[in-house]
Amino acid sequence: MNTESKSYKRELIDHLLAADNAGSLEQRLGDLLTPSEFSEISKRLQIFKLLEAGVPQRQIAEQLGVGIATVTRGSRALKEHSS
């Protein structure tokens, strides 16, 4: 990741952390994301939760209406962060 990208990422994180309550954070996310993007990010969180609960990847894909590749990516991310 280049310096400019890191700067943008840090700015985004700082913007979100400036929210002082859940409603304010939801508003900030709503201002930044389309409804579809908000939904996709929410589904990614559900993927993590279901993987951690031991639900099979194919079942997660079917349940959430996402591709198996999306679930596999989530699984890889969890493994990387748990090592």
PDB file of N, CA and C in Angstrom:
ATOM      1  N   MET A   1       0.859  -1.177   0.000  1.00  0.00           N
ATOM      2  CA  MET A   1       0.000   0.000   0.000  1.00  0.00           C
ATOM      3  C   MET A   1       0.901   1.234   0.000  1.00  0.00           C
ATOM      4  N   ASN A   2       0.629   2.152  -0.908  1.00  0.00           N
ATOM      5  CA  ASN A   2       1.478   3.340  -0.984  1.00  0.00           C
ATOM      6  C   ASN A   2       1.116   4.352   0.102  1.00  0.00           C
ATOM      7  N   THR A   3       1.957   5.354   0.249  1.00  0.00           N
ATOM      8  CA  THR A   3       1.798   6.353   1.305  1.00  0.00           C
ATOM      9  C   THR A   3       0.464   7.081   1.198  1.00  0.00           C
ATOM     10  N   GLU A   4       0.066   7.418  -0.027  1.00  0.00           N
ATOM     11  CA  GLU A   4      -1.206   8.134  -0.217  1.00  0.00           C
ATOM     12  C   GLU A   4      -2.382   7.265   0.223  1.00  0.00           C
ATOM     13  N   SER A   5      -2.360   5.993  -0.148  1.00  0.00           N
ATOM     14  CA  SER A   5      -3.438   5.080   0.245  1.00  0.00           C
ATOM     15  C   SER A   5      -3.495   4.928   1.754  1.00  0.00           C
ATOM     16  N   LYS A   6      -2.340   4.837   2.392  1.00  0.00           N
ATOM     17  CA  LYS A   6      -2.299   4.731   3.854  1.00  0.00           C
ATOM     18  C   LYS A   6      -2.890   5.976   4.495  1.00  0.00           C
ATOM     19  N   SER A   7      -2.600   7.123   3.904  1.00  0.00           N
ATOM     20  CA  SER A   7      -3.123   8.381   4.420  1.00  0.00           C
ATOM     21  C   SER A   7      -4.649   8.414   4.311  1.00  0.00           C
ATOM     22  N   TYR A   8      -5.175   7.984   3.170  1.00  0.00           N
ATOM     23  CA  TYR A   8      -6.629   7.948   2.983  1.00  0.00           C
ATOM     24  C   TYR A   8      -7.278   6.971   3.955  1.00  0.00           C
ATOM     25  N   LYS A   9      -6.642   5.827   4.134  1.00  0.00           N
ATOM     26  CA  LYS A   9      -7.174   4.819   5.056  1.00  0.00           C
ATOM     27  C   LYS A   9      -7.209   5.380   6.478  1.00  0.00           C
ATOM     28  N   ARG A  10      -6.128   6.031   6.902  1.00  0.00           N
ATOM     29  CA  ARG A  10      -6.053   6.618   8.241  1.00  0.00           C
ATOM     30  C   ARG A  10      -7.126   7.694   8.399  1.00  0.00           C
ATOM     31  N   GLU A  11      -7.324   8.489   7.356  1.00  0.00           N
ATOM     32  CA  GLU A  11      -8.336   9.548   7.403  1.00  0.00           C
ATOM     33  C   GLU A  11      -9.737   8.951   7.560  1.00  0.00           C
ATOM     34  N   LEU A  12     -10.004   7.858   6.859  1.00  0.00           N
ATOM     35  CA  LEU A  12     -11.289   7.182   6.980  1.00  0.00           C
ATOM     36  C   LEU A  12     -11.488   6.665   8.397  1.00  0.00           C
ATOM     37  N   ILE A  13     -10.480   6.008   8.921  1.00  0.00           N
ATOM     38  CA  ILE A  13     -10.573   5.468  10.282  1.00  0.00           C
ATOM     39  C   ILE A  13     -10.808   6.590  11.286  1.00  0.00           C
ATOM     40  N   ASP A  14     -10.063   7.671  11.166  1.00  0.00           N
ATOM     41  CA  ASP A  14     -10.242   8.811  12.069  1.00  0.00           C
ATOM     42  C   ASP A  14     -11.651   9.395  11.955  1.00  0.00           C
ATOM     43  N   HIS A  15     -12.161   9.475  10.724  1.00  0.00           N
ATOM     44  CA  HIS A  15     -13.515  10.009  10.502  1.00  0.00           C
ATOM     45  C   HIS A  15     -14.552   9.137  11.217  1.00  0.00           C
ATOM     46  N   LEU A  16     -14.400   7.828  11.101  1.00  0.00           N
ATOM     47  CA  LEU A  16     -15.359   6.925  11.733  1.00  0.00           C
ATOM     48  C   LEU A  16     -15.214   6.926  13.252  1.00  0.00           C
ATOM     49  N   LEU A  17     -13.988   7.004  13.746  1.00  0.00           N
ATOM     50  CA  LEU A  17     -13.765   7.024  15.191  1.00  0.00           C
ATOM     51  C   LEU A  17     -14.261   8.306  15.850  1.00  0.00           C
ATOM     52  N   ALA A  18     -14.456   9.347  15.070  1.00  0.00           N
ATOM     53  CA  ALA A  18     -14.967  10.608  15.611  1.00  0.00           C
ATOM     54  C   ALA A  18     -16.449  10.514  15.984  1.00  0.00           C
ATOM     55  N   ALA A  19     -17.117   9.473  15.555  1.00  0.00           N
ATOM     56  CA  ALA A  19     -18.530   9.285  15.918  1.00  0.00           C
ATOM     57  C   ALA A  19     -18.609   9.017  17.418  1.00  0.00           C
ATOM     58  N   ASP A  20     -19.525   9.697  18.089  1.00  0.00           N
ATOM     59  CA  ASP A  20     -19.601   9.550  19.541  1.00  0.00           C
ATOM     60  C   ASP A  20     -20.686   8.584  20.010  1.00  0.00           C
ATOM     61  N   ASN A  21     -21.438   8.024  19.055  1.00  0.00           N
ATOM     62  CA  ASN A  21     -22.442   7.018  19.421  1.00  0.00           C
ATOM     63  C   ASN A  21     -22.808   6.210  18.173  1.00  0.00           C
ATOM     64  N   ALA A  22     -23.585   5.162  18.382  1.00  0.00           N
ATOM     65  CA  ALA A  22     -23.929   4.264  17.272  1.00  0.00           C
ATOM     66  C   ALA A  22     -24.701   4.993  16.167  1.00  0.00           C
ATOM     67  N   GLY A  23     -25.587   5.882  16.540  1.00  0.00           N
ATOM     68  CA  GLY A  23     -26.364   6.625  15.546  1.00  0.00           C
ATOM     69  C   GLY A  23     -25.481   7.508  14.687  1.00  0.00           C
ATOM     70  N   SER A  24     -24.525   8.155  15.326  1.00  0.00           N
ATOM     71  CA  SER A  24     -23.590   9.015  14.597  1.00  0.00           C
ATOM     72  C   SER A  24     -22.712   8.192  13.655  1.00  0.00           C
ATOM     73  N   LEU A  25     -22.269   7.021  14.115  1.00  0.00           N
ATOM     74  CA  LEU A  25     -21.466   6.146  13.266  1.00  0.00           C
ATOM     75  C   LEU A  25     -22.285   5.658  12.082  1.00  0.00           C
ATOM     76  N   GLU A  26     -23.528   5.282  12.331  1.00  0.00           N
ATOM     77  CA  GLU A  26     -24.397   4.841  11.229  1.00  0.00           C
ATOM     78  C   GLU A  26     -24.590   5.960  10.204  1.00  0.00           C
ATOM     79  N   GLN A  27     -24.751   7.176  10.689  1.00  0.00           N
ATOM     80  CA  GLN A  27     -24.912   8.327   9.788  1.00  0.00           C
ATOM     81  C   GLN A  27     -23.645   8.536   8.954  1.00  0.00           C
ATOM     82  N   ARG A  28     -22.498   8.457   9.596  1.00  0.00           N
ATOM     83  CA  ARG A  28     -21.235   8.637   8.879  1.00  0.00           C
ATOM     84  C   ARG A  28     -21.062   7.561   7.809  1.00  0.00           C
ATOM     85  N   LEU A  29     -21.352   6.312   8.160  1.00  0.00           N
ATOM     86  CA  LEU A  29     -21.255   5.234   7.173  1.00  0.00           C
ATOM     87  C   LEU A  29     -22.259   5.430   6.053  1.00  0.00           C
ATOM     88  N   GLY A  30     -23.474   5.850   6.404  1.00  0.00           N
ATOM     89  CA  GLY A  30     -24.500   6.097   5.399  1.00  0.00           C
ATOM     90  C   GLY A  30     -24.131   7.218   4.439  1.00  0.00           C
ATOM     91  N   ASP A  31     -23.391   8.195   4.950  1.00  0.00           N
ATOM     92  CA  ASP A  31     -22.940   9.300   4.093  1.00  0.00           C
ATOM     93  C   ASP A  31     -21.848   8.844   3.123  1.00  0.00           C
ATOM     94  N   LEU A  32     -21.067   7.864   3.538  1.00  0.00           N
ATOM     95  CA  LEU A  32     -19.941   7.395   2.734  1.00  0.00           C
ATOM     96  C   LEU A  32     -20.302   6.279   1.764  1.00  0.00           C
ATOM     97  N   LEU A  33     -21.252   5.438   2.145  1.00  0.00           N
ATOM     98  CA  LEU A  33     -21.546   4.224   1.391  1.00  0.00           C
ATOM     99  C   LEU A  33     -22.929   4.276   0.750  1.00  0.00           C
ATOM    100  N   THR A  34     -23.050   3.631  -0.395  1.00  0.00           N
ATOM    101  CA  THR A  34     -24.373   3.445  -0.978  1.00  0.00           C
ATOM    102  C   THR A  34     -25.099   2.396  -0.144  1.00  0.00           C
ATOM    103  N   PRO A  35     -26.414   2.301  -0.245  1.00  0.00           N
ATOM    104  CA  PRO A  35     -27.130   1.247   0.473  1.00  0.00           C
ATOM    105  C   PRO A  35     -26.592  -0.158   0.135  1.00  0.00           C
ATOM    106  N   SER A  36     -26.229  -0.362  -1.116  1.00  0.00           N
ATOM    107  CA  SER A  36     -25.694  -1.655  -1.536  1.00  0.00           C
ATOM    108  C   SER A  36     -24.341  -1.941  -0.868  1.00  0.00           C
ATOM    109  N   GLU A  37     -23.468  -0.944  -0.810  1.00  0.00           N
ATOM    110  CA  GLU A  37     -22.168  -1.113  -0.160  1.00  0.00           C
ATOM    111  C   GLU A  37     -22.338  -1.397   1.337  1.00  0.00           C
ATOM    112  N   PHE A  38     -23.252  -0.681   1.962  1.00  0.00           N
ATOM    113  CA  PHE A  38     -23.532  -0.878   3.386  1.00  0.00           C
ATOM    114  C   PHE A  38     -24.001  -2.314   3.617  1.00  0.00           C
ATOM    115  N   SER A  39     -24.877  -2.793   2.749  1.00  0.00           N
ATOM    116  CA  SER A  39     -25.390  -4.163   2.844  1.00  0.00           C
ATOM    117  C   SER A  39     -24.273  -5.189   2.669  1.00  0.00           C
ATOM    118  N   GLU A  40     -23.403  -4.966   1.693  1.00  0.00           N
ATOM    119  CA  GLU A  40     -22.298  -5.901   1.437  1.00  0.00           C
ATOM    120  C   GLU A  40     -21.348  -5.970   2.618  1.00  0.00           C
ATOM    121  N   ILE A  41     -21.020  -4.840   3.216  1.00  0.00           N
ATOM    122  CA  ILE A  41     -20.139  -4.832   4.377  1.00  0.00           C
ATOM    123  C   ILE A  41     -20.808  -5.553   5.548  1.00  0.00           C
ATOM    124  N   SER A  42     -22.096  -5.334   5.715  1.00  0.00           N
ATOM    125  CA  SER A  42     -22.830  -6.016   6.779  1.00  0.00           C
ATOM    126  C   SER A  42     -22.807  -7.526   6.573  1.00  0.00           C
ATOM    127  N   LYS A  43     -22.948  -7.964   5.325  1.00  0.00           N
ATOM    128  CA  LYS A  43     -22.894  -9.398   5.027  1.00  0.00           C
ATOM    129  C   LYS A  43     -21.518  -9.966   5.338  1.00  0.00           C
ATOM    130  N   ARG A  44     -20.468  -9.210   5.067  1.00  0.00           N
ATOM    131  CA  ARG A  44     -19.106  -9.693   5.360  1.00  0.00           C
ATOM    132  C   ARG A  44     -18.935  -9.929   6.855  1.00  0.00           C
ATOM    133  N   LEU A  45     -19.510  -9.061   7.669  1.00  0.00           N
ATOM    134  CA  LEU A  45     -19.456  -9.266   9.115  1.00  0.00           C
ATOM    135  C   LEU A  45     -20.206 -10.546   9.498  1.00  0.00           C
ATOM    136  N   GLN A  46     -21.357 -10.779   8.869  1.00  0.00           N
ATOM    137  CA  GLN A  46     -22.120 -12.002   9.131  1.00  0.00           C
ATOM    138  C   GLN A  46     -21.322 -13.238   8.714  1.00  0.00           C
ATOM    139  N   ILE A  47     -20.580 -13.131   7.624  1.00  0.00           N
ATOM    140  CA  ILE A  47     -19.735 -14.243   7.188  1.00  0.00           C
ATOM    141  C   ILE A  47     -18.749 -14.594   8.299  1.00  0.00           C
ATOM    142  N   PHE A  48     -18.080 -13.589   8.867  1.00  0.00           N
ATOM    143  CA  PHE A  48     -17.136 -13.842   9.958  1.00  0.00           C
ATOM    144  C   PHE A  48     -17.828 -14.537  11.127  1.00  0.00           C
ATOM    145  N   LYS A  49     -18.984 -14.019  11.516  1.00  0.00           N
ATOM    146  CA  LYS A  49     -19.702 -14.592  12.659  1.00  0.00           C
ATOM    147  C   LYS A  49     -20.099 -16.039  12.400  1.00  0.00           C
ATOM    148  N   LEU A  50     -20.610 -16.323  11.204  1.00  0.00           N
ATOM    149  CA  LEU A  50     -21.041 -17.682  10.880  1.00  0.00           C
ATOM    150  C   LEU A  50     -19.851 -18.637  10.771  1.00  0.00           C
ATOM    151  N   LEU A  51     -18.748 -18.172  10.204  1.00  0.00           N
ATOM    152  CA  LEU A  51     -17.543 -19.002  10.137  1.00  0.00           C
ATOM    153  C   LEU A  51     -17.057 -19.338  11.545  1.00  0.00           C
ATOM    154  N   GLU A  52     -17.034 -18.341  12.411  1.00  0.00           N
ATOM    155  CA  GLU A  52     -16.596 -18.558  13.796  1.00  0.00           C
ATOM    156  C   GLU A  52     -17.521 -19.525  14.536  1.00  0.00           C
ATOM    157  N   ALA A  53     -18.789 -19.569  14.123  1.00  0.00           N
ATOM    158  CA  ALA A  53     -19.748 -20.483  14.732  1.00  0.00           C
ATOM    159  C   ALA A  53     -19.667 -21.887  14.142  1.00  0.00           C
ATOM    160  N   GLY A  54     -18.806 -22.066  13.127  1.00  0.00           N
ATOM    161  CA  GLY A  54     -18.611 -23.385  12.542  1.00  0.00           C
ATOM    162  C   GLY A  54     -19.565 -23.753  11.421  1.00  0.00           C
ATOM    163  N   VAL A  55     -20.288 -22.782  10.898  1.00  0.00           N
ATOM    164  CA  VAL A  55     -21.222 -23.052   9.801  1.00  0.00           C
ATOM    165  C   VAL A  55     -20.400 -23.318   8.531  1.00  0.00           C
ATOM    166  N   PRO A  56     -20.738 -24.361   7.774  1.00  0.00           N
ATOM    167  CA  PRO A  56     -20.002 -24.664   6.536  1.00  0.00           C
ATOM    168  C   PRO A  56     -20.075 -23.514   5.532  1.00  0.00           C
ATOM    169  N   GLN A  57     -18.980 -23.349   4.786  1.00  0.00           N
ATOM    170  CA  GLN A  57     -18.883 -22.233   3.846  1.00  0.00           C
ATOM    171  C   GLN A  57     -20.002 -22.223   2.809  1.00  0.00           C
ATOM    172  N   ARG A  58     -20.330 -23.366   2.244  1.00  0.00           N
ATOM    173  CA  ARG A  58     -21.399 -23.395   1.225  1.00  0.00           C
ATOM    174  C   ARG A  58     -22.750 -22.980   1.816  1.00  0.00           C
ATOM    175  N   GLN A  59     -22.994 -23.387   3.044  1.00  0.00           N
ATOM    176  CA  GLN A  59     -24.244 -23.016   3.706  1.00  0.00           C
ATOM    177  C   GLN A  59     -24.291 -21.504   3.942  1.00  0.00           C
ATOM    178  N   ILE A  60     -23.159 -20.930   4.323  1.00  0.00           N
ATOM    179  CA  ILE A  60     -23.092 -19.474   4.530  1.00  0.00           C
ATOM    180  C   ILE A  60     -23.381 -18.748   3.214  1.00  0.00           C
ATOM    181  N   ALA A  61     -22.759 -19.210   2.139  1.00  0.00           N
ATOM    182  CA  ALA A  61     -22.962 -18.582   0.823  1.00  0.00           C
ATOM    183  C   ALA A  61     -24.439 -18.606   0.444  1.00  0.00           C
ATOM    184  N   GLU A  62     -25.074 -19.750   0.640  1.00  0.00           N
ATOM    185  CA  GLU A  62     -26.500 -19.865   0.309  1.00  0.00           C
ATOM    186  C   GLU A  62     -27.353 -18.986   1.212  1.00  0.00           C
ATOM    187  N   GLN A  63     -27.073 -19.031   2.505  1.00  0.00           N
ATOM    188  CA  GLN A  63     -27.873 -18.286   3.480  1.00  0.00           C
ATOM    189  C   GLN A  63     -27.811 -16.779   3.239  1.00  0.00           C
ATOM    190  N   LEU A  64     -26.616 -16.280   2.904  1.00  0.00           N
ATOM    191  CA  LEU A  64     -26.452 -14.834   2.733  1.00  0.00           C
ATOM    192  C   LEU A  64     -26.585 -14.365   1.289  1.00  0.00           C
ATOM    193  N   GLY A  65     -26.666 -15.311   0.363  1.00  0.00           N
ATOM    194  CA  GLY A  65     -26.792 -14.932  -1.048  1.00  0.00           C
ATOM    195  C   GLY A  65     -25.523 -14.326  -1.609  1.00  0.00           C
ATOM    196  N   VAL A  66     -24.378 -14.864  -1.167  1.00  0.00           N
ATOM    197  CA  VAL A  66     -23.084 -14.396  -1.668  1.00  0.00           C
ATOM    198  C   VAL A  66     -22.368 -15.555  -2.345  1.00  0.00           C
ATOM    199  N   GLY A  67     -21.338 -15.251  -3.094  1.00  0.00           N
ATOM    200  CA  GLY A  67     -20.567 -16.289  -3.752  1.00  0.00           C
ATOM    201  C   GLY A  67     -19.666 -17.021  -2.775  1.00  0.00           C
ATOM    202  N   ILE A  68     -19.346 -18.258  -3.114  1.00  0.00           N
ATOM    203  CA  ILE A  68     -18.468 -19.057  -2.268  1.00  0.00           C
ATOM    204  C   ILE A  68     -17.098 -18.393  -2.164  1.00  0.00           C
ATOM    205  N   ALA A  69     -16.652 -17.697  -3.203  1.00  0.00           N
ATOM    206  CA  ALA A  69     -15.357 -17.007  -3.161  1.00  0.00           C
ATOM    207  C   ALA A  69     -15.343 -15.918  -2.084  1.00  0.00           C
ATOM    208  N   THR A  70     -16.465 -15.253  -1.889  1.00  0.00           N
ATOM    209  CA  THR A  70     -16.569 -14.215  -0.854  1.00  0.00           C
ATOM    210  C   THR A  70     -16.428 -14.838   0.524  1.00  0.00           C
ATOM    211  N   VAL A  71     -17.055 -15.990   0.719  1.00  0.00           N
ATOM    212  CA  VAL A  71     -16.967 -16.678   2.007  1.00  0.00           C
ATOM    213  C   VAL A  71     -15.548 -17.197   2.229  1.00  0.00           C
ATOM    214  N   THR A  72     -14.946 -17.738   1.183  1.00  0.00           N
ATOM    215  CA  THR A  72     -13.580 -18.242   1.289  1.00  0.00           C
ATOM    216  C   THR A  72     -12.618 -17.114   1.642  1.00  0.00           C
ATOM    217  N   ARG A  73     -12.825 -15.961   1.047  1.00  0.00           N
ATOM    218  CA  ARG A  73     -11.982 -14.788   1.370  1.00  0.00           C
ATOM    219  C   ARG A  73     -12.124 -14.437   2.846  1.00  0.00           C
ATOM    220  N   GLY A  74     -13.336 -14.472   3.360  1.00  0.00           N
ATOM    221  CA  GLY A  74     -13.561 -14.212   4.778  1.00  0.00           C
ATOM    222  C   GLY A  74     -12.870 -15.245   5.653  1.00  0.00           C
ATOM    223  N   SER A  75     -12.916 -16.492   5.232  1.00  0.00           N
ATOM    224  CA  SER A  75     -12.271 -17.559   5.980  1.00  0.00           C
ATOM    225  C   SER A  75     -10.761 -17.346   6.035  1.00  0.00           C
ATOM    226  N   ARG A  76     -10.179 -16.982   4.906  1.00  0.00           N
ATOM    227  CA  ARG A  76      -8.733 -16.711   4.859  1.00  0.00           C
ATOM    228  C   ARG A  76      -8.368 -15.551   5.780  1.00  0.00           C
ATOM    229  N   ALA A  77      -9.177 -14.506   5.756  1.00  0.00           N
ATOM    230  CA  ALA A  77      -8.909 -13.328   6.599  1.00  0.00           C
ATOM    231  C   ALA A  77      -8.944 -13.719   8.070  1.00  0.00           C
ATOM    232  N   LEU A  78      -9.926 -14.530   8.459  1.00  0.00           N
ATOM    233  CA  LEU A  78     -10.002 -14.952   9.855  1.00  0.00           C
ATOM    234  C   LEU A  78      -8.776 -15.759  10.251  1.00  0.00           C
ATOM    235  N   LYS A  79      -8.344 -16.658   9.385  1.00  0.00           N
ATOM    236  CA  LYS A  79      -7.174 -17.479   9.668  1.00  0.00           C
ATOM    237  C   LYS A  79      -5.912 -16.620   9.804  1.00  0.00           C
ATOM    238  N   GLU A  80      -5.770 -15.634   8.929  1.00  0.00           N
ATOM    239  CA  GLU A  80      -4.602 -14.748   8.976  1.00  0.00           C
ATOM    240  C   GLU A  80      -4.552 -13.949  10.262  1.00  0.00           C
ATOM    241  N   HIS A  81      -5.719 -13.518  10.745  1.00  0.00           N
ATOM    242  CA  HIS A  81      -5.756 -12.677  11.942  1.00  0.00           C
ATOM    243  C   HIS A  81      -5.724 -13.478  13.228  1.00  0.00           C
ATOM    244  N   SER A  82      -5.970 -14.770  13.136  1.00  0.00           N
ATOM    245  CA  SER A  82      -5.935 -15.594  14.341  1.00  0.00           C
ATOM    246  C   SER A  82      -4.559 -16.233  14.554  1.00  0.00           C
ATOM    247  N   SER A  83      -3.673 -16.093  13.570  1.00  0.00           N
ATOM    248  CA  SER A  83      -2.337 -16.690  13.714  1.00  0.00           C
ATOM    249  C   SER A  83      -1.425 -15.816  14.521  1.00  0.00           C
TER     250      SER A  83
END
